[in-house]
Each structure stands twice: as structure tokens, then as C-alpha cells.
């Protein structure tokens, strides 16, 4: 049996189940493309995606991080893409969300679940 994890956003109150294969169970076709959901830190440079959800927080520090991410615009349905990465290391990531650009650590970006846009 495949292992599952529950992802829940306190902003939307909805939950999505991500199977080990990367498929999202219980999601509508309009909300998830044929591609699998991934964490934002795994998204390739300049590939557009949409926020699906935020990973649920397990402690007070993570709850504060989730609130900060929601406040700066990482909400379900919002368009995002990584526009640059740090040099010489992998941190930070410059992430465009909506019309604004923010610097995120990879750990912070890993808490955002996205669905890459389908290629035309």
C-alpha cells in the first residue's frame, strides 16, 4: 500500500491527499493539471506553476511560517515561479508570486505545494 500524507491549508480549510506516486487524490481536474504536485523548492527555474496548498504545520514555529507565507501571497490558485537562485549556494530562491518577488530559503519553499503548468 502506498504511503500518504495529508496537506492542509489553514487559509482554505481544504485538504488534499498526496500519494507516494505524487498524484493528488480528491482534487478536481480544474485545480490540478495532469502533472504531479511538487514542493516549490523542487520547481525548475522559470517554470510557471500554481499554488495548490501549504503543508500543515506541526509546531508553533511552522504555524508562524505558514501564516507569513499566506500573508505574502502563497495562497491556493496563485501563480508562482522561481526567477533566480543564490550564488554560489542553493539559498535563497527568488520567487515571483503574483506581481511581487520574494526571497525564500529552500526550507520555506518546501512548505509550498505547487502544480507546474502544462506545456502547450
PDB file of N, CA and C in Angstrom:
ATOM      1  N   UNK A   1       0.838  -1.183   0.000  1.00  0.00           N
ATOM      2  CA  UNK A   1       0.000   0.000   0.000  1.00  0.00           C
ATOM      3  C   UNK A   1       0.880   1.244   0.000  1.00  0.00           C
ATOM      4  N   UNK A   2       0.567   2.208  -0.808  1.00  0.00           N
ATOM      5  CA  UNK A   2       1.341   3.450  -0.904  1.00  0.00           C
ATOM      6  C   UNK A   2       1.130   4.287   0.346  1.00  0.00           C
ATOM      7  N   UNK A   3       2.200   4.919   0.820  1.00  0.00           N
ATOM      8  CA  UNK A   3       2.058   5.795   1.981  1.00  0.00           C
ATOM      9  C   UNK A   3       1.456   7.117   1.541  1.00  0.00           C
ATOM     10  N   UNK A   4       0.714   7.754   2.465  1.00  0.00           N
ATOM     11  CA  UNK A   4       0.060   9.016   2.147  1.00  0.00           C
ATOM     12  C   UNK A   4       0.415  10.058   3.192  1.00  0.00           C
ATOM     13  N   UNK A   5       0.377  11.302   2.786  1.00  0.00           N
ATOM     14  CA  UNK A   5       0.497  12.397   3.732  1.00  0.00           C
ATOM     15  C   UNK A   5      -0.628  13.375   3.464  1.00  0.00           C
ATOM     16  N   UNK A   6      -1.126  13.996   4.510  1.00  0.00           N
ATOM     17  CA  UNK A   6      -2.218  14.952   4.381  1.00  0.00           C
ATOM     18  C   UNK A   6      -1.631  16.348   4.405  1.00  0.00           C
ATOM     19  N   UNK A   7      -2.007  17.155   3.454  1.00  0.00           N
ATOM     20  CA  UNK A   7      -1.582  18.540   3.364  1.00  0.00           C
ATOM     21  C   UNK A   7      -2.813  19.389   3.575  1.00  0.00           C
ATOM     22  N   UNK A   8      -2.718  20.366   4.469  1.00  0.00           N
ATOM     23  CA  UNK A   8      -3.891  21.171   4.761  1.00  0.00           C
ATOM     24  C   UNK A   8      -3.494  22.619   4.921  1.00  0.00           C
ATOM     25  N   UNK A   9      -4.247  23.494   4.328  1.00  0.00           N
ATOM     26  CA  UNK A   9      -4.024  24.926   4.456  1.00  0.00           C
ATOM     27  C   UNK A   9      -5.036  25.486   5.428  1.00  0.00           C
ATOM     28  N   UNK A  10      -4.546  26.218   6.424  1.00  0.00           N
ATOM     29  CA  UNK A  10      -5.480  26.830   7.360  1.00  0.00           C
ATOM     30  C   UNK A  10      -6.252  27.962   6.699  1.00  0.00           C
ATOM     31  N   UNK A  11      -5.736  28.481   5.583  1.00  0.00           N
ATOM     32  CA  UNK A  11      -6.428  29.567   4.889  1.00  0.00           C
ATOM     33  C   UNK A  11      -7.675  29.059   4.171  1.00  0.00           C
ATOM     34  N   UNK A  12      -7.535  27.922   3.488  1.00  0.00           N
ATOM     35  CA  UNK A  12      -8.665  27.435   2.705  1.00  0.00           C
ATOM     36  C   UNK A  12      -9.509  26.430   3.455  1.00  0.00           C
ATOM     37  N   UNK A  13      -8.915  25.777   4.465  1.00  0.00           N
ATOM     38  CA  UNK A  13      -9.646  24.777   5.215  1.00  0.00           C
ATOM     39  C   UNK A  13      -9.818  23.483   4.456  1.00  0.00           C
ATOM     40  N   UNK A  14      -9.261  23.379   3.261  1.00  0.00           N
ATOM     41  CA  UNK A  14      -9.390  22.170   2.469  1.00  0.00           C
ATOM     42  C   UNK A  14      -8.178  21.279   2.680  1.00  0.00           C
ATOM     43  N   UNK A  15      -8.338  20.028   2.357  1.00  0.00           N
ATOM     44  CA  UNK A  15      -7.224  19.092   2.475  1.00  0.00           C
ATOM     45  C   UNK A  15      -7.044  18.374   1.155  1.00  0.00           C
ATOM     46  N   UNK A  16      -5.815  18.050   0.815  1.00  0.00           N
ATOM     47  CA  UNK A  16      -5.509  17.271  -0.367  1.00  0.00           C
ATOM     48  C   UNK A  16      -4.608  16.133   0.063  1.00  0.00           C
ATOM     49  N   UNK A  17      -4.840  14.944  -0.438  1.00  0.00           N
ATOM     50  CA  UNK A  17      -4.008  13.806  -0.123  1.00  0.00           C
ATOM     51  C   UNK A  17      -3.042  13.586  -1.268  1.00  0.00           C
ATOM     52  N   UNK A  18      -1.758  13.539  -0.938  1.00  0.00           N
ATOM     53  CA  UNK A  18      -0.745  13.314  -1.957  1.00  0.00           C
ATOM     54  C   UNK A  18      -0.246  11.895  -1.806  1.00  0.00           C
ATOM     55  N   UNK A  19      -0.430  11.091  -2.829  1.00  0.00           N
ATOM     56  CA  UNK A  19       0.022   9.719  -2.801  1.00  0.00           C
ATOM     57  C   UNK A  19       1.523   9.669  -3.027  1.00  0.00           C
ATOM     58  N   UNK A  20       2.143   8.539  -2.678  1.00  0.00           N
ATOM     59  CA  UNK A  20       3.589   8.393  -2.852  1.00  0.00           C
ATOM     60  C   UNK A  20       3.984   8.602  -4.314  1.00  0.00           C
ATOM     61  N   UNK A  21       3.089   8.307  -5.230  1.00  0.00           N
ATOM     62  CA  UNK A  21       3.378   8.490  -6.648  1.00  0.00           C
ATOM     63  C   UNK A  21       3.397   9.953  -7.052  1.00  0.00           C
ATOM     64  N   UNK A  22       2.905  10.853  -6.156  1.00  0.00           N
ATOM     65  CA  UNK A  22       2.870  12.271  -6.473  1.00  0.00           C
ATOM     66  C   UNK A  22       1.518  12.746  -6.952  1.00  0.00           C
ATOM     67  N   UNK A  23       0.568  11.800  -7.150  1.00  0.00           N
ATOM     68  CA  UNK A  23      -0.768  12.186  -7.587  1.00  0.00           C
ATOM     69  C   UNK A  23      -1.532  12.806  -6.436  1.00  0.00           C
ATOM     70  N   UNK A  24      -2.449  13.678  -6.744  1.00  0.00           N
ATOM     71  CA  UNK A  24      -3.255  14.318  -5.718  1.00  0.00           C
ATOM     72  C   UNK A  24      -4.636  13.691  -5.755  1.00  0.00           C
ATOM     73  N   UNK A  25      -5.016  13.025  -4.647  1.00  0.00           N
ATOM     74  CA  UNK A  25      -6.309  12.361  -4.564  1.00  0.00           C
ATOM     75  C   UNK A  25      -7.376  13.352  -4.137  1.00  0.00           C
ATOM     76  N   UNK A  26      -8.553  13.256  -4.709  1.00  0.00           N
ATOM     77  CA  UNK A  26      -9.666  14.090  -4.290  1.00  0.00           C
ATOM     78  C   UNK A  26      -9.631  15.490  -4.871  1.00  0.00           C
ATOM     79  N   UNK A  27      -8.715  15.801  -5.751  1.00  0.00           N
ATOM     80  CA  UNK A  27      -8.645  17.131  -6.348  1.00  0.00           C
ATOM     81  C   UNK A  27      -9.444  17.140  -7.638  1.00  0.00           C
ATOM     82  N   UNK A  28     -10.022  18.275  -7.953  1.00  0.00           N
ATOM     83  CA  UNK A  28     -10.793  18.382  -9.179  1.00  0.00           C
ATOM     84  C   UNK A  28      -9.862  18.576 -10.361  1.00  0.00           C
ATOM     85  N   UNK A  29     -10.242  18.136 -11.553  1.00  0.00           N
ATOM     86  CA  UNK A  29      -9.389  18.303 -12.726  1.00  0.00           C
ATOM     87  C   UNK A  29      -9.039  19.753 -13.004  1.00  0.00           C
ATOM     88  N   UNK A  30      -9.931  20.676 -12.670  1.00  0.00           N
ATOM     89  CA  UNK A  30      -9.647  22.082 -12.933  1.00  0.00           C
ATOM     90  C   UNK A  30      -8.588  22.634 -11.988  1.00  0.00           C
ATOM     91  N   UNK A  31      -8.440  22.023 -10.795  1.00  0.00           N
ATOM     92  CA  UNK A  31      -7.466  22.536  -9.836  1.00  0.00           C
ATOM     93  C   UNK A  31      -6.095  21.904  -9.988  1.00  0.00           C
ATOM     94  N   UNK A  32      -6.023  20.744 -10.601  1.00  0.00           N
ATOM     95  CA  UNK A  32      -4.744  20.054 -10.752  1.00  0.00           C
ATOM     96  C   UNK A  32      -4.604  19.590 -12.194  1.00  0.00           C
ATOM     97  N   UNK A  33      -3.482  19.938 -12.817  1.00  0.00           N
ATOM     98  CA  UNK A  33      -3.238  19.500 -14.190  1.00  0.00           C
ATOM     99  C   UNK A  33      -2.816  18.041 -14.181  1.00  0.00           C
ATOM    100  N   UNK A  34      -2.525  17.503 -15.341  1.00  0.00           N
ATOM    101  CA  UNK A  34      -2.103  16.121 -15.466  1.00  0.00           C
ATOM    102  C   UNK A  34      -0.749  15.890 -14.796  1.00  0.00           C
ATOM    103  N   UNK A  35       0.011  16.948 -14.567  1.00  0.00           N
ATOM    104  CA  UNK A  35       1.307  16.812 -13.920  1.00  0.00           C
ATOM    105  C   UNK A  35       1.119  16.680 -12.416  1.00  0.00           C
ATOM    106  N   UNK A  36       2.089  16.054 -11.754  1.00  0.00           N
ATOM    107  CA  UNK A  36       2.019  15.829 -10.316  1.00  0.00           C
ATOM    108  C   UNK A  36       2.345  17.094  -9.532  1.00  0.00           C
ATOM    109  N   UNK A  37       1.782  17.190  -8.344  1.00  0.00           N
ATOM    110  CA  UNK A  37       2.096  18.292  -7.439  1.00  0.00           C
ATOM    111  C   UNK A  37       3.482  18.061  -6.839  1.00  0.00           C
ATOM    112  N   UNK A  38       4.243  19.149  -6.694  1.00  0.00           N
ATOM    113  CA  UNK A  38       5.585  19.088  -6.119  1.00  0.00           C
ATOM    114  C   UNK A  38       5.748  20.250  -5.140  1.00  0.00           C
ATOM    115  N   UNK A  39       6.785  20.189  -4.319  1.00  0.00           N
ATOM    116  CA  UNK A  39       7.057  21.327  -3.447  1.00  0.00           C
ATOM    117  C   UNK A  39       7.777  22.399  -4.264  1.00  0.00           C
ATOM    118  N   UNK A  40       7.581  23.642  -3.884  1.00  0.00           N
ATOM    119  CA  UNK A  40       8.125  24.778  -4.630  1.00  0.00           C
ATOM    120  C   UNK A  40       9.639  24.705  -4.759  1.00  0.00           C
ATOM    121  N   UNK A  41      10.344  24.187  -3.763  1.00  0.00           N
ATOM    122  CA  UNK A  41      11.800  24.104  -3.838  1.00  0.00           C
ATOM    123  C   UNK A  41      12.280  23.140  -4.915  1.00  0.00           C
ATOM    124  N   UNK A  42      11.406  22.258  -5.409  1.00  0.00           N
ATOM    125  CA  UNK A  42      11.745  21.304  -6.480  1.00  0.00           C
ATOM    126  C   UNK A  42      11.399  21.834  -7.868  1.00  0.00           C
ATOM    127  N   UNK A  43      10.724  22.971  -7.939  1.00  0.00           N
ATOM    128  CA  UNK A  43      10.321  23.551  -9.222  1.00  0.00           C
ATOM    129  C   UNK A  43      11.550  24.082  -9.954  1.00  0.00           C
ATOM    130  N   UNK A  44      11.646  23.786 -11.239  1.00  0.00           N
ATOM    131  CA  UNK A  44      12.777  24.261 -12.043  1.00  0.00           C
ATOM    132  C   UNK A  44      12.680  25.768 -12.271  1.00  0.00           C
ATOM    133  N   UNK A  45      13.796  26.375 -12.540  1.00  0.00           N
ATOM    134  CA  UNK A  45      13.903  27.809 -12.781  1.00  0.00           C
ATOM    135  C   UNK A  45      13.012  28.239 -13.945  1.00  0.00           C
ATOM    136  N   UNK A  46      12.244  29.297 -13.758  1.00  0.00           N
ATOM    137  CA  UNK A  46      11.386  29.925 -14.769  1.00  0.00           C
ATOM    138  C   UNK A  46      10.262  29.042 -15.312  1.00  0.00           C
ATOM    139  N   UNK A  47       9.859  28.040 -14.544  1.00  0.00           N
ATOM    140  CA  UNK A  47       8.707  27.210 -14.927  1.00  0.00           C
ATOM    141  C   UNK A  47       7.489  27.724 -14.160  1.00  0.00           C
ATOM    142  N   UNK A  48       6.459  28.204 -14.849  1.00  0.00           N
ATOM    143  CA  UNK A  48       5.276  28.711 -14.144  1.00  0.00           C
ATOM    144  C   UNK A  48       4.503  27.574 -13.473  1.00  0.00           C
ATOM    145  N   UNK A  49       3.926  27.883 -12.321  1.00  0.00           N
ATOM    146  CA  UNK A  49       3.138  26.906 -11.571  1.00  0.00           C
ATOM    147  C   UNK A  49       2.049  27.652 -10.816  1.00  0.00           C
ATOM    148  N   UNK A  50       1.156  26.902 -10.214  1.00  0.00           N
ATOM    149  CA  UNK A  50       0.099  27.460  -9.368  1.00  0.00           C
ATOM    150  C   UNK A  50       0.199  26.822  -7.988  1.00  0.00           C
ATOM    151  N   UNK A  51      -0.028  27.614  -6.959  1.00  0.00           N
ATOM    152  CA  UNK A  51      -0.024  27.103  -5.597  1.00  0.00           C
ATOM    153  C   UNK A  51      -1.231  26.193  -5.424  1.00  0.00           C
ATOM    154  N   UNK A  52      -0.985  24.999  -4.915  1.00  0.00           N
ATOM    155  CA  UNK A  52      -2.067  24.070  -4.609  1.00  0.00           C
ATOM    156  C   UNK A  52      -2.460  24.195  -3.145  1.00  0.00           C
ATOM    157  N   UNK A  53      -1.467  24.231  -2.258  1.00  0.00           N
ATOM    158  CA  UNK A  53      -1.726  24.271  -0.826  1.00  0.00           C
ATOM    159  C   UNK A  53      -0.422  24.497  -0.081  1.00  0.00           C
ATOM    160  N   UNK A  54      -0.513  24.648   1.229  1.00  0.00           N
ATOM    161  CA  UNK A  54       0.654  24.717   2.098  1.00  0.00           C
ATOM    162  C   UNK A  54       0.668  23.461   2.953  1.00  0.00           C
ATOM    163  N   UNK A  55       1.853  22.957   3.263  1.00  0.00           N
ATOM    164  CA  UNK A  55       1.986  21.783   4.112  1.00  0.00           C
ATOM    165  C   UNK A  55       1.535  22.164   5.514  1.00  0.00           C
ATOM    166  N   UNK A  56       0.795  21.285   6.175  1.00  0.00           N
ATOM    167  CA  UNK A  56       0.290  21.609   7.513  1.00  0.00           C
ATOM    168  C   UNK A  56       1.432  21.736   8.506  1.00  0.00           C
ATOM    169  N   UNK A  57       1.264  22.642   9.450  1.00  0.00           N
ATOM    170  CA  UNK A  57       2.282  22.921  10.454  1.00  0.00           C
ATOM    171  C   UNK A  57       2.173  21.913  11.590  1.00  0.00           C
ATOM    172  N   UNK A  58       3.343  21.529  12.129  1.00  0.00           N
ATOM    173  CA  UNK A  58       3.352  20.576  13.234  1.00  0.00           C
ATOM    174  C   UNK A  58       3.754  21.208  14.564  1.00  0.00           C
ATOM    175  N   UNK A  59       4.178  22.483  14.525  1.00  0.00           N
ATOM    176  CA  UNK A  59       4.541  23.169  15.767  1.00  0.00           C
ATOM    177  C   UNK A  59       4.313  24.675  15.600  1.00  0.00           C
ATOM    178  N   UNK A  60       4.556  25.424  16.664  1.00  0.00           N
ATOM    179  CA  UNK A  60       4.288  26.867  16.660  1.00  0.00           C
ATOM    180  C   UNK A  60       5.150  27.593  15.625  1.00  0.00           C
ATOM    181  N   UNK A  61       6.421  27.228  15.511  1.00  0.00           N
ATOM    182  CA  UNK A  61       7.300  27.895  14.545  1.00  0.00           C
ATOM    183  C   UNK A  61       6.811  27.694  13.118  1.00  0.00           C
ATOM    184  N   UNK A  62       6.379  26.471  12.801  1.00  0.00           N
ATOM    185  CA  UNK A  62       5.863  26.202  11.460  1.00  0.00           C
ATOM    186  C   UNK A  62       4.538  26.923  11.230  1.00  0.00           C
ATOM    187  N   UNK A  63       3.717  27.055  12.262  1.00  0.00           N
ATOM    188  CA  UNK A  63       2.461  27.795  12.124  1.00  0.00           C
ATOM    189  C   UNK A  63       2.748  29.252  11.771  1.00  0.00           C
ATOM    190  N   UNK A  64       3.760  29.831  12.414  1.00  0.00           N
ATOM    191  CA  UNK A  64       4.141  31.212  12.112  1.00  0.00           C
ATOM    192  C   UNK A  64       4.664  31.333  10.685  1.00  0.00           C
ATOM    193  N   UNK A  65       5.435  30.345  10.233  1.00  0.00           N
ATOM    194  CA  UNK A  65       5.930  30.345   8.857  1.00  0.00           C
ATOM    195  C   UNK A  65       4.770  30.242   7.872  1.00  0.00           C
ATOM    196  N   UNK A  66       3.800  29.364   8.137  1.00  0.00           N
ATOM    197  CA  UNK A  66       2.650  29.214   7.245  1.00  0.00           C
ATOM    198  C   UNK A  66       1.866  30.519   7.164  1.00  0.00           C
ATOM    199  N   UNK A  67       1.687  31.185   8.292  1.00  0.00           N
ATOM    200  CA  UNK A  67       0.987  32.472   8.307  1.00  0.00           C
ATOM    201  C   UNK A  67       1.750  33.501   7.480  1.00  0.00           C
ATOM    202  N   UNK A  68       3.072  33.571   7.636  1.00  0.00           N
ATOM    203  CA  UNK A  68       3.893  34.506   6.863  1.00  0.00           C
ATOM    204  C   UNK A  68       3.779  34.220   5.367  1.00  0.00           C
ATOM    205  N   UNK A  69       3.844  32.945   4.980  1.00  0.00           N
ATOM    206  CA  UNK A  69       3.729  32.589   3.563  1.00  0.00           C
ATOM    207  C   UNK A  69       2.365  32.999   2.999  1.00  0.00           C
ATOM    208  N   UNK A  70       1.306  32.788   3.770  1.00  0.00           N
ATOM    209  CA  UNK A  70      -0.024  33.188   3.314  1.00  0.00           C
ATOM    210  C   UNK A  70      -0.126  34.708   3.207  1.00  0.00           C
ATOM    211  N   UNK A  71       0.441  35.421   4.173  1.00  0.00           N
ATOM    212  CA  UNK A  71       0.378  36.884   4.159  1.00  0.00           C
ATOM    213  C   UNK A  71       1.090  37.491   2.960  1.00  0.00           C
ATOM    214  N   UNK A  72       2.170  36.861   2.488  1.00  0.00           N
ATOM    215  CA  UNK A  72       2.888  37.431   1.335  1.00  0.00           C
ATOM    216  C   UNK A  72       2.348  36.924   0.006  1.00  0.00           C
ATOM    217  N   UNK A  73       1.320  36.062   0.042  1.00  0.00           N
ATOM    218  CA  UNK A  73       0.630  35.728  -1.197  1.00  0.00           C
ATOM    219  C   UNK A  73       0.660  34.287  -1.647  1.00  0.00           C
ATOM    220  N   UNK A  74       1.221  33.373  -0.872  1.00  0.00           N
ATOM    221  CA  UNK A  74       1.237  31.964  -1.273  1.00  0.00           C
ATOM    222  C   UNK A  74      -0.089  31.324  -0.884  1.00  0.00           C
ATOM    223  N   UNK A  75      -1.101  31.620  -1.692  1.00  0.00           N
ATOM    224  CA  UNK A  75      -2.463  31.140  -1.464  1.00  0.00           C
ATOM    225  C   UNK A  75      -2.868  30.220  -2.608  1.00  0.00           C
ATOM    226  N   UNK A  76      -3.749  29.251  -2.356  1.00  0.00           N
ATOM    227  CA  UNK A  76      -4.179  28.337  -3.413  1.00  0.00           C
ATOM    228  C   UNK A  76      -4.659  29.077  -4.656  1.00  0.00           C
ATOM    229  N   UNK A  77      -4.153  28.640  -5.818  1.00  0.00           N
ATOM    230  CA  UNK A  77      -4.528  29.224  -7.099  1.00  0.00           C
ATOM    231  C   UNK A  77      -3.594  30.320  -7.577  1.00  0.00           C
ATOM    232  N   UNK A  78      -2.757  30.864  -6.686  1.00  0.00           N
ATOM    233  CA  UNK A  78      -1.861  31.966  -7.075  1.00  0.00           C
ATOM    234  C   UNK A  78      -0.746  31.434  -7.984  1.00  0.00           C
ATOM    235  N   UNK A  79      -0.408  32.200  -9.006  1.00  0.00           N
ATOM    236  CA  UNK A  79       0.645  31.824  -9.958  1.00  0.00           C
ATOM    237  C   UNK A  79       2.017  32.138  -9.361  1.00  0.00           C
ATOM    238  N   UNK A  80       2.963  31.193  -9.476  1.00  0.00           N
ATOM    239  CA  UNK A  80       4.320  31.355  -8.946  1.00  0.00           C
ATOM    240  C   UNK A  80       5.354  30.833  -9.938  1.00  0.00           C
ATOM    241  N   UNK A  81       6.597  31.315  -9.763  1.00  0.00           N
ATOM    242  CA  UNK A  81       7.732  30.739 -10.490  1.00  0.00           C
ATOM    243  C   UNK A  81       9.017  31.177  -9.804  1.00  0.00           C
ATOM    244  N   UNK A  82      10.034  30.363  -9.914  1.00  0.00           N
ATOM    245  CA  UNK A  82      11.346  30.698  -9.367  1.00  0.00           C
ATOM    246  C   UNK A  82      12.093  31.464 -10.446  1.00  0.00           C
ATOM    247  N   UNK A  83      12.542  32.677 -10.110  1.00  0.00           N
ATOM    248  CA  UNK A  83      13.208  33.514 -11.103  1.00  0.00           C
ATOM    249  C   UNK A  83      14.729  33.529 -10.952  1.00  0.00           C
ATOM    250  N   UNK A  84      15.258  33.128  -9.784  1.00  0.00           N
ATOM    251  CA  UNK A  84      16.709  33.084  -9.579  1.00  0.00           C
ATOM    252  C   UNK A  84      17.021  32.254  -8.342  1.00  0.00           C
ATOM    253  N   UNK A  85      18.254  31.774  -8.281  1.00  0.00           N
ATOM    254  CA  UNK A  85      18.728  31.053  -7.096  1.00  0.00           C
ATOM    255  C   UNK A  85      19.979  31.742  -6.587  1.00  0.00           C
ATOM    256  N   UNK A  86      20.326  31.443  -5.341  1.00  0.00           N
ATOM    257  CA  UNK A  86      21.506  32.039  -4.727  1.00  0.00           C
ATOM    258  C   UNK A  86      22.797  31.614  -5.421  1.00  0.00           C
ATOM    259  N   UNK A  87      23.846  32.369  -5.166  1.00  0.00           N
ATOM    260  CA  UNK A  87      25.153  32.039  -5.713  1.00  0.00           C
ATOM    261  C   UNK A  87      26.179  32.218  -4.624  1.00  0.00           C
ATOM    262  N   UNK A  88      27.038  31.294  -4.371  1.00  0.00           N
ATOM    263  CA  UNK A  88      27.247  30.027  -5.081  1.00  0.00           C
ATOM    264  C   UNK A  88      26.377  28.894  -4.576  1.00  0.00           C
ATOM    265  N   UNK A  89      25.697  29.073  -3.444  1.00  0.00           N
ATOM    266  CA  UNK A  89      24.877  28.009  -2.864  1.00  0.00           C
ATOM    267  C   UNK A  89      23.467  28.009  -3.400  1.00  0.00           C
ATOM    268  N   UNK A  90      22.645  27.090  -2.900  1.00  0.00           N
ATOM    269  CA  UNK A  90      21.271  26.964  -3.380  1.00  0.00           C
ATOM    270  C   UNK A  90      20.288  27.962  -2.770  1.00  0.00           C
ATOM    271  N   UNK A  91      20.692  28.627  -1.668  1.00  0.00           N
ATOM    272  CA  UNK A  91      19.812  29.583  -0.991  1.00  0.00           C
ATOM    273  C   UNK A  91      20.265  30.996  -1.235  1.00  0.00           C
ATOM    274  N   UNK A  92      19.394  31.975  -1.261  1.00  0.00           N
ATOM    275  CA  UNK A  92      17.935  31.856  -1.249  1.00  0.00           C
ATOM    276  C   UNK A  92      17.398  31.649  -2.659  1.00  0.00           C
ATOM    277  N   UNK A  93      16.095  31.439  -2.741  1.00  0.00           N
ATOM    278  CA  UNK A  93      15.393  31.383  -4.017  1.00  0.00           C
ATOM    279  C   UNK A  93      14.645  32.698  -4.183  1.00  0.00           C
ATOM    280  N   UNK A  94      14.723  33.288  -5.364  1.00  0.00           N
ATOM    281  CA  UNK A  94      13.901  34.462  -5.685  1.00  0.00           C
ATOM    282  C   UNK A  94      12.641  33.912  -6.343  1.00  0.00           C
ATOM    283  N   UNK A  95      11.508  34.116  -5.673  1.00  0.00           N
ATOM    284  CA  UNK A  95      10.249  33.542  -6.129  1.00  0.00           C
ATOM    285  C   UNK A  95       9.274  34.657  -6.454  1.00  0.00           C
ATOM    286  N   UNK A  96       8.732  34.626  -7.663  1.00  0.00           N
ATOM    287  CA  UNK A  96       7.697  35.580  -8.053  1.00  0.00           C
ATOM    288  C   UNK A  96       6.355  34.943  -7.742  1.00  0.00           C
ATOM    289  N   UNK A  97       5.572  35.638  -6.938  1.00  0.00           N
ATOM    290  CA  UNK A  97       4.217  35.203  -6.619  1.00  0.00           C
ATOM    291  C   UNK A  97       3.308  36.374  -6.974  1.00  0.00           C
ATOM    292  N   UNK A  98       2.415  36.144  -7.918  1.00  0.00           N
ATOM    293  CA  UNK A  98       1.605  37.249  -8.425  1.00  0.00           C
ATOM    294  C   UNK A  98       2.521  38.255  -9.106  1.00  0.00           C
ATOM    295  N   UNK A  99       2.459  39.520  -8.689  1.00  0.00           N
ATOM    296  CA  UNK A  99       3.289  40.570  -9.290  1.00  0.00           C
ATOM    297  C   UNK A  99       4.488  40.940  -8.419  1.00  0.00           C
ATOM    298  N   UNK A 100       4.685  40.234  -7.303  1.00  0.00           N
ATOM    299  CA  UNK A 100       5.776  40.559  -6.379  1.00  0.00           C
ATOM    300  C   UNK A 100       6.838  39.457  -6.392  1.00  0.00           C
ATOM    301  N   UNK A 101       8.069  39.811  -6.011  1.00  0.00           N
ATOM    302  CA  UNK A 101       9.158  38.845  -5.918  1.00  0.00           C
ATOM    303  C   UNK A 101       9.678  38.829  -4.484  1.00  0.00           C
ATOM    304  N   UNK A 102       9.851  37.621  -3.945  1.00  0.00           N
ATOM    305  CA  UNK A 102      10.321  37.434  -2.580  1.00  0.00           C
ATOM    306  C   UNK A 102      11.492  36.479  -2.554  1.00  0.00           C
ATOM    307  N   UNK A 103      12.376  36.651  -1.574  1.00  0.00           N
ATOM    308  CA  UNK A 103      13.466  35.709  -1.335  1.00  0.00           C
ATOM    309  C   UNK A 103      12.999  34.718  -0.280  1.00  0.00           C
ATOM    310  N   UNK A 104      13.122  33.432  -0.586  1.00  0.00           N
ATOM    311  CA  UNK A 104      12.746  32.371   0.351  1.00  0.00           C
ATOM    312  C   UNK A 104      13.908  31.405   0.520  1.00  0.00           C
ATOM    313  N   UNK A 105      14.082  30.897   1.724  1.00  0.00           N
ATOM    314  CA  UNK A 105      15.010  29.792   1.926  1.00  0.00           C
ATOM    315  C   UNK A 105      14.379  28.551   1.310  1.00  0.00           C
ATOM    316  N   UNK A 106      15.203  27.580   0.941  1.00  0.00           N
ATOM    317  CA  UNK A 106      14.667  26.345   0.365  1.00  0.00           C
ATOM    318  C   UNK A 106      13.701  25.651   1.323  1.00  0.00           C
ATOM    319  N   UNK A 107      14.006  25.684   2.624  1.00  0.00           N
ATOM    320  CA  UNK A 107      13.096  25.062   3.587  1.00  0.00           C
ATOM    321  C   UNK A 107      11.721  25.727   3.528  1.00  0.00           C
ATOM    322  N   UNK A 108      11.681  27.045   3.465  1.00  0.00           N
ATOM    323  CA  UNK A 108      10.407  27.761   3.384  1.00  0.00           C
ATOM    324  C   UNK A 108       9.671  27.385   2.103  1.00  0.00           C
ATOM    325  N   UNK A 109      10.400  27.329   0.998  1.00  0.00           N
ATOM    326  CA  UNK A 109       9.794  26.968  -0.283  1.00  0.00           C
ATOM    327  C   UNK A 109       9.282  25.528  -0.273  1.00  0.00           C
ATOM    328  N   UNK A 110       9.916  24.656   0.498  1.00  0.00           N
ATOM    329  CA  UNK A 110       9.480  23.255   0.564  1.00  0.00           C
ATOM    330  C   UNK A 110       8.122  23.104   1.236  1.00  0.00           C
ATOM    331  N   UNK A 111       7.654  24.125   1.924  1.00  0.00           N
ATOM    332  CA  UNK A 111       6.363  24.086   2.615  1.00  0.00           C
ATOM    333  C   UNK A 111       5.211  24.496   1.695  1.00  0.00           C
ATOM    334  N   UNK A 112       5.514  24.893   0.448  1.00  0.00           N
ATOM    335  CA  UNK A 112       4.500  25.321  -0.518  1.00  0.00           C
ATOM    336  C   UNK A 112       4.357  24.231  -1.580  1.00  0.00           C
ATOM    337  N   UNK A 113       3.165  23.685  -1.734  1.00  0.00           N
ATOM    338  CA  UNK A 113       2.887  22.663  -2.726  1.00  0.00           C
ATOM    339  C   UNK A 113       2.359  23.334  -3.985  1.00  0.00           C
ATOM    340  N   UNK A 114       2.999  23.055  -5.128  1.00  0.00           N
ATOM    341  CA  UNK A 114       2.609  23.689  -6.397  1.00  0.00           C
ATOM    342  C   UNK A 114       2.342  22.633  -7.464  1.00  0.00           C
ATOM    343  N   UNK A 115       1.622  23.056  -8.483  1.00  0.00           N
ATOM    344  CA  UNK A 115       1.381  22.223  -9.661  1.00  0.00           C
ATOM    345  C   UNK A 115       1.940  22.985 -10.858  1.00  0.00           C
ATOM    346  N   UNK A 116       2.991  22.452 -11.505  1.00  0.00           N
ATOM    347  CA  UNK A 116       3.532  23.139 -12.697  1.00  0.00           C
ATOM    348  C   UNK A 116       2.489  23.233 -13.787  1.00  0.00           C
ATOM    349  N   UNK A 117       2.513  24.326 -14.528  1.00  0.00           N
ATOM    350  CA  UNK A 117       1.569  24.490 -15.642  1.00  0.00           C
ATOM    351  C   UNK A 117       1.916  23.517 -16.755  1.00  0.00           C
ATOM    352  N   UNK A 118       0.897  23.008 -17.404  1.00  0.00           N
ATOM    353  CA  UNK A 118       1.098  22.095 -18.515  1.00  0.00           C
ATOM    354  C   UNK A 118       1.725  22.839 -19.683  1.00  0.00           C
ATOM    355  N   UNK A 119       2.640  22.171 -20.365  1.00  0.00           N
ATOM    356  CA  UNK A 119       3.273  22.793 -21.533  1.00  0.00           C
ATOM    357  C   UNK A 119       2.281  22.774 -22.702  1.00  0.00           C
ATOM    358  N   UNK A 120       2.234  23.877 -23.463  1.00  0.00           N
ATOM    359  CA  UNK A 120       1.264  23.953 -24.570  1.00  0.00           C
ATOM    360  C   UNK A 120       1.580  23.001 -25.687  1.00  0.00           C
TER     361      UNK A 120
END
